[in-house]
Protein backbone atom coordinates (compact mmCIF):
# COMPACT_ATOMS: atom_id res chain seq x y z
CA ALA A 1 74.85 179.33 62.12
CA TYR A 2 78.41 179.71 63.39
CA SER A 3 79.00 177.95 66.49
CA PRO A 4 75.86 175.99 66.78
CA LEU A 5 76.38 174.47 69.41
CA GLY A 6 77.58 177.43 71.91
CA SER A 7 80.46 178.70 73.24
CA ALA A 8 81.74 178.05 77.08
CA GLU A 9 84.14 181.44 76.71
CA GLY A 10 81.91 183.90 77.62
CA GLY A 11 78.91 182.39 75.61
CA ARG A 12 75.70 180.00 76.46
CA ASP A 13 77.49 176.37 76.25
CA LEU A 14 75.00 174.35 74.53
CA ILE A 15 76.21 171.05 74.37
CA HIS A 16 76.39 170.67 77.89
CA ASP A 17 72.43 172.50 78.59
CA GLN A 18 70.08 169.22 79.83
CA THR A 19 67.17 169.69 77.85
CA VAL A 20 69.62 168.96 75.08
CA ASP A 21 71.53 165.95 77.33
CA ARG A 22 67.98 164.38 77.52
CA ILE A 23 67.03 164.61 74.41
CA ALA A 24 69.85 163.15 72.80
CA LYS A 25 70.05 160.34 75.06
CA LYS A 26 66.55 159.66 74.15
CA LEU A 27 67.52 159.82 70.33
CA ASN A 28 71.07 157.98 70.60
CA LYS A 29 72.74 160.92 69.57
CA SER A 30 74.94 162.72 70.95
CA PRO A 31 73.98 165.95 71.73
CA GLY A 32 76.32 168.02 69.12
CA GLN A 33 74.58 165.77 66.47
CA LEU A 34 71.29 166.93 67.72
CA LEU A 35 71.89 170.72 67.77
CA VAL A 36 73.05 170.45 64.30
CA LYS A 37 70.08 168.63 63.23
CA TRP A 38 68.48 170.84 65.17
CA ALA A 39 69.36 174.14 63.60
CA ILE A 40 68.84 172.38 60.01
CA GLN A 41 65.10 171.39 61.10
CA ARG A 42 64.31 175.00 61.72
CA GLY A 43 66.02 176.58 58.28
CA THR A 44 69.21 177.64 59.63
CA SER A 45 72.58 177.10 57.67
CA VAL A 46 75.03 175.24 59.76
CA ILE A 47 78.47 175.04 59.63
CA PRO A 48 80.31 172.70 62.76
CA LYS A 49 84.03 173.48 63.09
CA SER A 50 86.18 170.47 64.80
CA THR A 51 89.40 168.62 64.05
CA ASN A 52 88.50 165.65 65.67
CA PRO A 53 87.82 162.92 63.30
CA ASN A 54 84.96 161.28 65.07
CA ARG A 55 82.90 164.73 65.79
CA ILE A 56 83.45 164.92 61.87
CA ARG A 57 81.89 162.14 61.38
CA GLU A 58 78.98 162.68 64.26
CA ASN A 59 78.41 166.03 62.88
CA VAL A 60 77.64 164.47 59.04
CA ALA A 61 75.41 162.24 60.01
CA VAL A 62 72.63 164.30 60.85
CA PHE A 63 70.55 163.60 57.28
CA ASN A 64 68.79 160.33 57.92
CA TRP A 65 66.69 161.05 60.92
CA GLU A 66 64.14 163.99 62.56
CA VAL A 67 64.33 165.49 66.46
CA PRO A 68 60.37 164.80 66.79
CA GLN A 69 57.82 167.76 67.15
CA GLN A 70 57.89 167.93 70.82
CA ASP A 71 61.19 167.49 71.25
CA PHE A 72 61.88 169.77 68.74
CA LYS A 73 59.85 172.49 70.74
CA ASN A 74 61.35 171.76 74.26
CA LEU A 75 64.89 172.28 72.03
CA SER A 76 62.99 175.67 71.08
CA ASN A 77 62.05 176.54 74.26
CA ILE A 78 65.42 176.46 75.76
CA PRO A 79 65.29 179.68 78.43
CA ASP A 80 68.12 182.21 77.63
CA GLN A 81 68.24 181.25 73.87
CA ARG A 82 70.69 184.25 72.36
CA ARG A 83 73.56 184.61 69.88
CA VAL A 84 76.06 183.22 71.49
CA LEU A 85 78.34 185.53 69.64
CA ASP A 86 76.90 189.13 68.17
CA GLY A 87 78.92 189.51 65.37
CA GLU A 88 80.64 192.72 66.56
CA GLU A 89 84.30 191.68 66.78
CA LEU A 90 84.41 189.22 63.39
CA PHE A 91 82.31 191.98 60.88
CA VAL A 92 82.20 195.28 62.42
CA ASN A 93 84.42 198.08 61.18
CA GLN A 94 83.08 201.31 61.95
CA SER A 95 85.41 203.60 60.34
CA GLU A 96 85.85 202.15 57.14
CA GLY A 97 83.73 199.14 56.92
CA ILE A 98 79.64 198.67 55.40
CA LEU A 99 78.73 196.98 59.06
CA LYS A 100 79.21 200.04 61.05
CA SER A 101 77.51 198.03 64.19
CA VAL A 102 76.03 194.77 65.01
CA GLU A 103 72.15 195.75 64.02
CA ASP A 104 73.10 195.84 60.06
CA VAL A 105 75.30 192.50 61.04
CA TRP A 106 72.08 191.04 62.19
CA ASP A 107 69.73 193.24 59.86
CA HIS A 108 67.36 193.82 62.60
CA GLU A 109 66.76 190.98 63.73
CA ASP A 110 65.74 190.36 67.31
């Protein structure tokens, strides 16, 4: 997942979502840890980025616990879920690239 925590700039800011905050507090984890772990549990490859040493340590500390089933379901049911970035600016090159559209980037996934 590119930008697994969302983005405040033109996307969905998941790190400040009320459901994420409530579950993170319940599990005594940071919202970032919860979102990274949730993505891993659902089978998404996750590449969190940070230059902050404390956040880097948090991002690594997601392998010795699980998001409980009901909390996992609640995270999966957050309304208005969508890709934060569609990939067009990063990957589409209509004149020279093999990816000519956003649909090509996402292999026609919903």
